[in-house]
Structure formats: C-alpha cells, structure tokens
C-alpha cells in the first residue's frame, strides 16, 4: 500500500535541522531522567511509595466531592480517577507522613464511610508500596533501560555494521529521552506502565529502523558508484510509505487503548502515542543521518591517511 506514492525528499540534507531539534529534546530528556533518579519528578506510587486502591460504590461518586472528603479527613495528597463502568473510583495516595505506614487504605475507607454513610462501597483491590521498594524499583528501571540499549547496539552491529549499530542505538536512545522529556515537561506521572511503554517503543523503533537499514544495505550493494547521501535518501523514500502506514496502524491501536481501554492502561497507551510519533521521526531523521555522518568521517580519515 503506497500511501504517498513515489517521493523524492532530501532527508539527509535536512540532518542539521533534525540534529538541532533532537539535541534540544535529548537535553530535556536527560534533565527529566536526572530528576526521576532523584525522585523529584511526578513519580507514581510504584517509585515514590504509597497506596493504590480501587473502590466500587453502590451509587455514582463525584470526584470533586470525594477529594474534598479525603482532604477533610487528613489525606491531602491524593490522585482520583473515575472508572465509568460500575461506579468505580481509583484512589492513589502518595507517601504521607501524617498517616502510619500501611494505614492509608484504612484511612481512605474510614473517610468515605464517615462522609458518605448512604453510599456503601467495597474494596476491589489495594496495593501498598513502601519507600524502600519504590527507590529500588526506580534504580532497577533505569538499569533495565540501559541494558536494553546495550543489547540493541550489539545486535545491529552484528547484523549490519558497527556504524549502523551506533546510529540505531542513538536513535533508540533519542526516542526514550523524548518520551521522558514529554512526560517531564507536562508533569505527567512516571510509573511502571510508563517504563513498560518506553521499552516497548524502543523495540518498535528498532524494528522500524532495521527496515530502513535493510533497504539502504540492499541499495548500497546495487549502486556502488552512487554517492552515499543519494543512496540513503533514495532508500528512505522507497520505504517511506511503508513506514508511515505501519506507524499509523500502531498509532490507531494505541489511540483506541487510550480512549476506550479504561483507566488501568491509560498511562501506558498515552506513552505509546508519544513514542510512535517520535520513533517514526527518529527512523528517518536521526538513525540514517548519523550513519552517513560516521561514514563520511571514516572516508575522510582513510583519505587523509592515504
């Protein structure tokens, strides 16, 4: 399916603009990661510690009045999400020094029983995460992302060439940093579902990049006399429709999860939407231009030695 037909866009010629944009995004992403490592960002209870409860009420519950009721009963830091099906309410409470460890769930139930005696409820799920567990999860998560990126560079270097491995790895790192940048700038919650989405997008971006690299390698063998930027541009244009159609398909699936999948996977699908857009951009404007730049430098170095 050729969505765009035959195109002739000079992607490599626009690499300086793309590099400048990507540099800004990456710097913000690095700042976001540093803040996350420090625990200074909008951390979910997975990383900061706290309590997550899902309550089912017999009658509809208004979020605004529920927040007022909890605040009135000594629970000021609370995140409430309405689950439309079944009068359900998702309650997330950050670590609160005024509430004893392990007593947050009891405090929430007590507050609702006191303020809404005529609206009976049941606890469908309750999770308590201590601060030490959250700190360990945060550190282990960053290590997992680093190990996955190392695996990517080794795989691409084995399948293609070391320069291609560097290009693919930097593009994947760019995608991860971009997701951290967006979530940090918008002060969105960083939790385990977000990290799962980051690793998912890393795999998706790698797959998309490998398709482009496959076509580049094929054309390099066929057109030995053609200039390197020309081969890269032609290859990217040849797979551009495929790249956009694939990304659009994944984007629509993620959008369906975001709008209709419910609150439980809302954070995950939102991160996927950001990642698909960034991953498509990096496959075209980051990975390939980096390889061209490295090839040019290697050629210049060999020429000078000769």
Protein backbone atom coordinates (compact mmCIF):
# COMPACT_ATOMS: atom_id res chain seq x y z
CA UNK A 1 0.00 0.00 0.00
CA UNK A 2 1.70 3.18 -1.22
CA UNK A 3 0.11 5.92 0.84
CA UNK A 4 2.34 8.67 -0.56
CA UNK A 5 3.38 7.20 -3.88
CA UNK A 6 6.87 7.98 -5.17
CA UNK A 7 8.64 10.70 -3.18
CA UNK A 8 11.99 12.43 -3.54
CA UNK A 9 12.62 14.18 -0.22
CA UNK A 10 16.15 15.17 0.77
CA UNK A 11 16.14 13.78 4.31
CA UNK A 12 19.93 13.69 4.64
CA UNK A 13 20.20 17.31 3.52
CA UNK A 14 17.98 18.34 6.44
CA UNK A 15 20.04 16.47 9.01
CA UNK A 16 21.45 19.58 10.70
CA UNK A 17 17.95 20.87 11.42
CA UNK A 18 16.92 17.44 12.68
CA UNK A 19 20.03 17.15 14.84
CA UNK A 20 19.33 20.55 16.42
CA UNK A 21 15.73 19.59 17.25
CA UNK A 22 16.81 16.21 18.58
CA UNK A 23 19.56 17.77 20.69
CA UNK A 24 17.06 20.03 22.47
CA UNK A 25 14.69 17.10 23.04
CA UNK A 26 17.50 14.89 24.33
CA UNK A 27 18.80 17.54 26.76
CA UNK A 28 15.33 17.94 28.25
CA UNK A 29 15.02 14.16 28.43
CA UNK A 30 18.34 13.86 30.28
CA UNK A 31 17.17 16.50 32.76
CA UNK A 32 13.96 14.52 33.20
CA UNK A 33 15.88 11.28 33.86
CA UNK A 34 18.10 13.03 36.42
CA UNK A 35 15.01 14.36 38.18
CA UNK A 36 13.41 10.93 38.10
CA UNK A 37 16.56 9.33 39.52
CA UNK A 38 16.43 11.92 42.32
CA UNK A 39 12.73 11.26 42.84
CA UNK A 40 12.00 14.93 42.10
CA UNK A 41 9.64 14.39 39.15
CA UNK A 42 5.96 13.43 39.23
CA UNK A 43 6.62 9.90 40.43
CA UNK A 44 3.88 7.32 40.63
CA UNK A 45 3.47 5.30 43.78
CA UNK A 46 5.46 2.50 42.09
CA UNK A 47 8.58 4.62 42.55
CA UNK A 48 7.76 7.03 45.37
CA UNK A 49 5.84 4.65 47.59
CA UNK A 50 2.20 4.93 48.57
CA UNK A 51 -1.16 3.23 48.29
CA UNK A 52 -3.38 2.41 45.32
CA UNK A 53 -7.00 1.33 45.86
CA UNK A 54 -9.91 0.56 43.59
CA UNK A 55 -13.31 1.07 45.22
CA UNK A 56 -16.74 0.13 43.90
CA UNK A 57 -19.64 2.27 45.15
CA UNK A 58 -23.32 1.44 45.15
CA UNK A 59 -24.10 4.93 43.81
CA UNK A 60 -22.22 7.32 41.48
CA UNK A 61 -19.39 9.17 43.23
CA UNK A 62 -18.36 12.70 42.29
CA UNK A 63 -14.56 13.07 42.14
CA UNK A 64 -14.53 16.67 43.36
CA UNK A 65 -16.60 15.91 46.45
CA UNK A 66 -14.56 12.73 47.09
CA UNK A 67 -11.34 14.78 47.04
CA UNK A 68 -12.86 17.29 49.48
CA UNK A 69 -13.94 14.46 51.78
CA UNK A 70 -10.46 12.90 51.83
CA UNK A 71 -8.78 16.28 52.37
CA UNK A 72 -11.18 16.97 55.25
CA UNK A 73 -10.09 13.72 56.88
CA UNK A 74 -6.34 14.34 56.69
CA UNK A 75 -5.49 12.91 53.25
CA UNK A 76 -4.48 15.96 51.17
CA UNK A 77 -2.18 14.34 48.55
CA UNK A 78 -4.46 12.07 46.57
CA UNK A 79 -4.99 11.26 42.89
CA UNK A 80 -8.52 10.22 41.96
CA UNK A 81 -9.58 8.64 38.68
CA UNK A 82 -13.13 7.74 37.79
CA UNK A 83 -13.80 4.37 36.19
CA UNK A 84 -17.10 4.89 34.40
CA UNK A 85 -18.25 1.28 34.34
CA UNK A 86 -19.71 0.21 37.67
CA UNK A 87 -19.37 3.38 39.79
CA UNK A 88 -15.70 2.65 40.49
CA UNK A 89 -13.07 5.00 41.81
CA UNK A 90 -9.28 4.59 41.61
CA UNK A 91 -7.56 6.20 44.60
CA UNK A 92 -3.79 6.79 44.62
CA UNK A 93 -2.16 8.20 47.72
CA UNK A 94 1.46 9.33 47.88
CA UNK A 95 3.55 8.69 50.94
CA UNK A 96 2.06 10.81 53.71
CA UNK A 97 3.99 11.26 56.92
CA UNK A 98 0.79 12.03 58.84
CA UNK A 99 -0.51 8.53 58.11
CA UNK A 100 1.30 5.49 59.54
CA UNK A 101 2.85 3.11 57.03
CA UNK A 102 0.27 0.58 55.89
CA UNK A 103 -2.65 2.59 57.30
CA UNK A 104 -3.52 4.65 54.19
CA UNK A 105 -6.11 2.17 52.92
CA UNK A 106 -7.84 2.12 56.30
CA UNK A 107 -7.82 5.94 56.42
CA UNK A 108 -9.47 6.17 52.99
CA UNK A 109 -12.18 3.66 53.90
CA UNK A 110 -12.82 5.43 57.18
CA UNK A 111 -13.15 8.79 55.44
CA UNK A 112 -15.67 7.55 52.88
CA UNK A 113 -17.71 5.68 55.49
CA UNK A 114 -17.85 8.83 57.60
CA UNK A 115 -18.68 11.29 54.81
CA UNK A 116 -20.94 9.03 52.68
CA UNK A 117 -22.78 6.66 55.04
CA UNK A 118 -25.57 6.19 52.48
CA UNK A 119 -23.19 5.17 49.64
CA UNK A 120 -21.84 1.73 50.50
CA UNK A 121 -18.65 0.57 48.80
CA UNK A 122 -16.36 -2.43 48.54
CA UNK A 123 -12.58 -2.59 48.08
CA UNK A 124 -11.80 -4.43 44.84
CA UNK A 125 -8.03 -4.05 45.12
CA UNK A 126 -5.50 -2.42 47.43
CA UNK A 127 -1.72 -2.16 46.98
CA UNK A 128 0.78 -0.74 49.45
CA UNK A 129 4.34 0.12 48.35
CA UNK A 130 6.97 1.22 50.87
CA UNK A 131 9.58 3.92 50.09
CA UNK A 132 12.50 1.48 50.01
CA UNK A 133 10.75 -0.68 47.41
CA UNK A 134 9.93 2.37 45.32
CA UNK A 135 13.56 3.53 45.43
CA UNK A 136 14.81 0.09 44.35
CA UNK A 137 12.27 -0.07 41.52
CA UNK A 138 13.37 3.35 40.28
CA UNK A 139 17.04 2.34 40.16
CA UNK A 140 16.36 -1.08 38.64
CA UNK A 141 14.21 0.53 35.97
CA UNK A 142 16.99 2.86 34.79
CA UNK A 143 19.41 -0.08 34.72
CA UNK A 144 16.94 -2.12 32.63
CA UNK A 145 16.66 0.68 30.06
CA UNK A 146 20.48 0.97 29.85
CA UNK A 147 20.92 -2.80 29.38
CA UNK A 148 18.28 -2.88 26.64
CA UNK A 149 20.08 -0.11 24.72
CA UNK A 150 23.37 -2.01 25.01
CA UNK A 151 21.70 -5.11 23.59
CA UNK A 152 20.43 -3.07 20.65
CA UNK A 153 23.86 -1.80 19.64
CA UNK A 154 25.34 -5.30 19.84
CA UNK A 155 22.55 -6.77 17.72
CA UNK A 156 22.68 -4.12 14.99
CA UNK A 157 26.49 -4.18 14.93
CA UNK A 158 26.34 -7.96 14.37
CA UNK A 159 23.60 -7.81 11.74
CA UNK A 160 24.81 -4.77 9.77
CA UNK A 161 27.90 -2.82 10.72
CA UNK A 162 29.18 -1.10 13.83
CA UNK A 163 28.31 2.34 12.38
CA UNK A 164 24.75 1.19 11.76
CA UNK A 165 24.67 -0.11 15.35
CA UNK A 166 25.68 3.29 16.68
CA UNK A 167 23.03 5.00 14.53
CA UNK A 168 20.27 2.63 15.66
CA UNK A 169 21.27 2.89 19.30
CA UNK A 170 21.45 6.68 19.30
CA UNK A 171 18.05 6.83 17.56
CA UNK A 172 16.55 4.48 20.16
CA UNK A 173 18.13 6.49 22.99
CA UNK A 174 16.67 9.61 21.37
CA UNK A 175 13.19 8.04 21.42
CA UNK A 176 13.49 7.09 25.10
CA UNK A 177 14.79 10.55 26.02
CA UNK A 178 11.97 12.20 24.03
CA UNK A 179 9.36 10.26 25.98
CA UNK A 180 11.00 11.24 29.27
CA UNK A 181 11.15 14.86 28.04
CA UNK A 182 7.43 15.00 27.17
CA UNK A 183 6.34 13.42 30.45
CA UNK A 184 8.68 15.64 32.46
CA UNK A 185 7.61 18.88 30.73
CA UNK A 186 3.90 18.06 31.05
CA UNK A 187 4.40 16.84 34.63
CA UNK A 188 2.77 13.52 33.77
CA UNK A 189 3.07 10.65 36.19
CA UNK A 190 6.07 8.36 35.73
CA UNK A 191 5.20 4.81 36.80
CA UNK A 192 5.95 1.22 35.83
CA UNK A 193 3.46 1.35 32.97
CA UNK A 194 5.34 4.32 31.51
CA UNK A 195 8.64 2.41 31.72
CA UNK A 196 6.96 -0.58 30.05
CA UNK A 197 5.88 1.73 27.23
CA UNK A 198 9.43 3.12 26.92
CA UNK A 199 10.87 -0.36 26.44
CA UNK A 200 8.04 -1.25 24.04
CA UNK A 201 8.76 1.80 21.91
CA UNK A 202 12.50 1.01 21.99
CA UNK A 203 11.69 -2.34 20.37
CA UNK A 204 9.26 -0.77 17.89
CA UNK A 205 11.72 1.96 16.90
CA UNK A 206 14.45 -0.63 16.40
CA UNK A 207 12.21 -2.69 14.12
CA UNK A 208 11.33 0.38 12.06
CA UNK A 209 14.99 1.38 11.82
CA UNK A 210 16.04 -2.13 10.73
CA UNK A 211 13.58 -2.00 7.81
CA UNK A 212 15.15 1.27 6.62
CA UNK A 213 18.67 -0.09 7.12
CA UNK A 214 17.82 -3.25 5.16
CA UNK A 215 16.81 -1.18 2.14
CA UNK A 216 19.90 1.01 2.49
CA UNK A 217 22.20 -2.02 2.59
CA UNK A 218 20.46 -3.51 -0.45
CA UNK A 219 20.82 -0.29 -2.47
CA UNK A 220 24.44 0.20 -1.39
CA UNK A 221 25.31 -3.16 -2.94
CA UNK A 222 23.43 -2.33 -6.14
CA UNK A 223 24.68 1.24 -6.60
CA UNK A 224 28.38 1.23 -5.83
CA UNK A 225 29.06 4.43 -7.80
CA UNK A 226 26.19 6.44 -6.32
CA UNK A 227 27.01 8.92 -3.55
CA UNK A 228 26.23 7.83 -0.01
CA UNK A 229 23.70 10.61 0.76
CA UNK A 230 21.90 9.82 -2.50
CA UNK A 231 21.66 6.10 -1.65
CA UNK A 232 20.35 6.87 1.84
CA UNK A 233 17.79 9.40 0.55
CA UNK A 234 16.54 7.04 -2.13
CA UNK A 235 16.27 4.16 0.32
CA UNK A 236 14.34 6.20 2.89
CA UNK A 237 11.96 7.48 0.20
CA UNK A 238 11.37 3.94 -1.07
CA UNK A 239 10.21 2.70 2.36
CA UNK A 240 8.56 5.96 3.47
CA UNK A 241 5.01 4.82 2.67
CA UNK A 242 5.60 1.54 4.46
CA UNK A 243 6.98 3.37 7.49
CA UNK A 244 4.03 5.77 7.69
CA UNK A 245 1.40 3.06 7.18
CA UNK A 246 2.98 0.88 9.88
CA UNK A 247 3.27 3.78 12.31
CA UNK A 248 -0.29 4.92 11.58
CA UNK A 249 -1.59 1.41 12.27
CA UNK A 250 0.21 1.25 15.63
CA UNK A 251 -0.89 4.81 16.45
CA UNK A 252 -4.55 3.98 15.82
CA UNK A 253 -4.29 0.87 18.01
CA UNK A 254 -2.67 2.91 20.81
CA UNK A 255 -5.30 5.64 20.39
CA UNK A 256 -8.06 3.03 20.76
CA UNK A 257 -6.46 1.85 24.01
CA UNK A 258 -6.15 5.45 25.19
CA UNK A 259 -9.78 6.42 24.56
CA UNK A 260 -11.58 3.12 25.14
CA UNK A 261 -9.18 0.90 27.12
CA UNK A 262 -10.04 2.20 30.57
CA UNK A 263 -8.06 3.93 33.30
CA UNK A 264 -5.81 0.97 34.09
CA UNK A 265 -3.82 1.22 30.83
CA UNK A 266 -4.36 4.95 30.27
CA UNK A 267 -0.77 5.91 31.17
CA UNK A 268 0.66 3.08 29.07
CA UNK A 269 -1.32 3.95 25.93
CA UNK A 270 -0.57 7.67 26.31
CA UNK A 271 3.16 6.92 26.41
CA UNK A 272 2.76 4.68 23.34
CA UNK A 273 1.13 7.52 21.38
CA UNK A 274 4.09 9.80 22.11
CA UNK A 275 6.59 7.03 21.38
CA UNK A 276 5.15 6.03 17.99
CA UNK A 277 5.39 9.61 16.71
CA UNK A 278 8.94 10.06 17.99
CA UNK A 279 10.02 6.60 16.81
CA UNK A 280 8.85 7.28 13.25
CA UNK A 281 10.69 10.60 13.23
CA UNK A 282 13.93 9.09 14.52
CA UNK A 283 13.96 6.24 11.99
CA UNK A 284 14.03 8.79 9.18
CA UNK A 285 15.73 11.89 10.58
CA UNK A 286 18.10 10.51 13.24
CA UNK A 287 19.34 6.95 12.60
CA UNK A 288 20.23 7.22 8.91
CA UNK A 289 21.82 10.71 9.02
CA UNK A 290 24.04 9.55 11.91
CA UNK A 291 25.30 6.62 9.81
CA UNK A 292 26.00 8.96 6.87
CA UNK A 293 27.94 11.30 9.16
CA UNK A 294 30.01 8.40 10.55
CA UNK A 295 30.68 7.02 7.05
CA UNK A 296 31.80 10.46 5.84
CA UNK A 297 34.21 10.81 8.75
CA UNK A 298 35.61 7.32 8.16
CA UNK A 299 36.10 8.12 4.45
CA UNK A 300 37.83 11.41 5.23
CA UNK A 301 40.08 9.71 7.76
CA UNK A 302 41.11 6.98 5.30
CA UNK A 303 41.73 9.60 2.58
CA UNK A 304 43.99 11.63 4.86
CA UNK A 305 45.96 8.52 5.82
CA UNK A 306 46.37 7.60 2.15
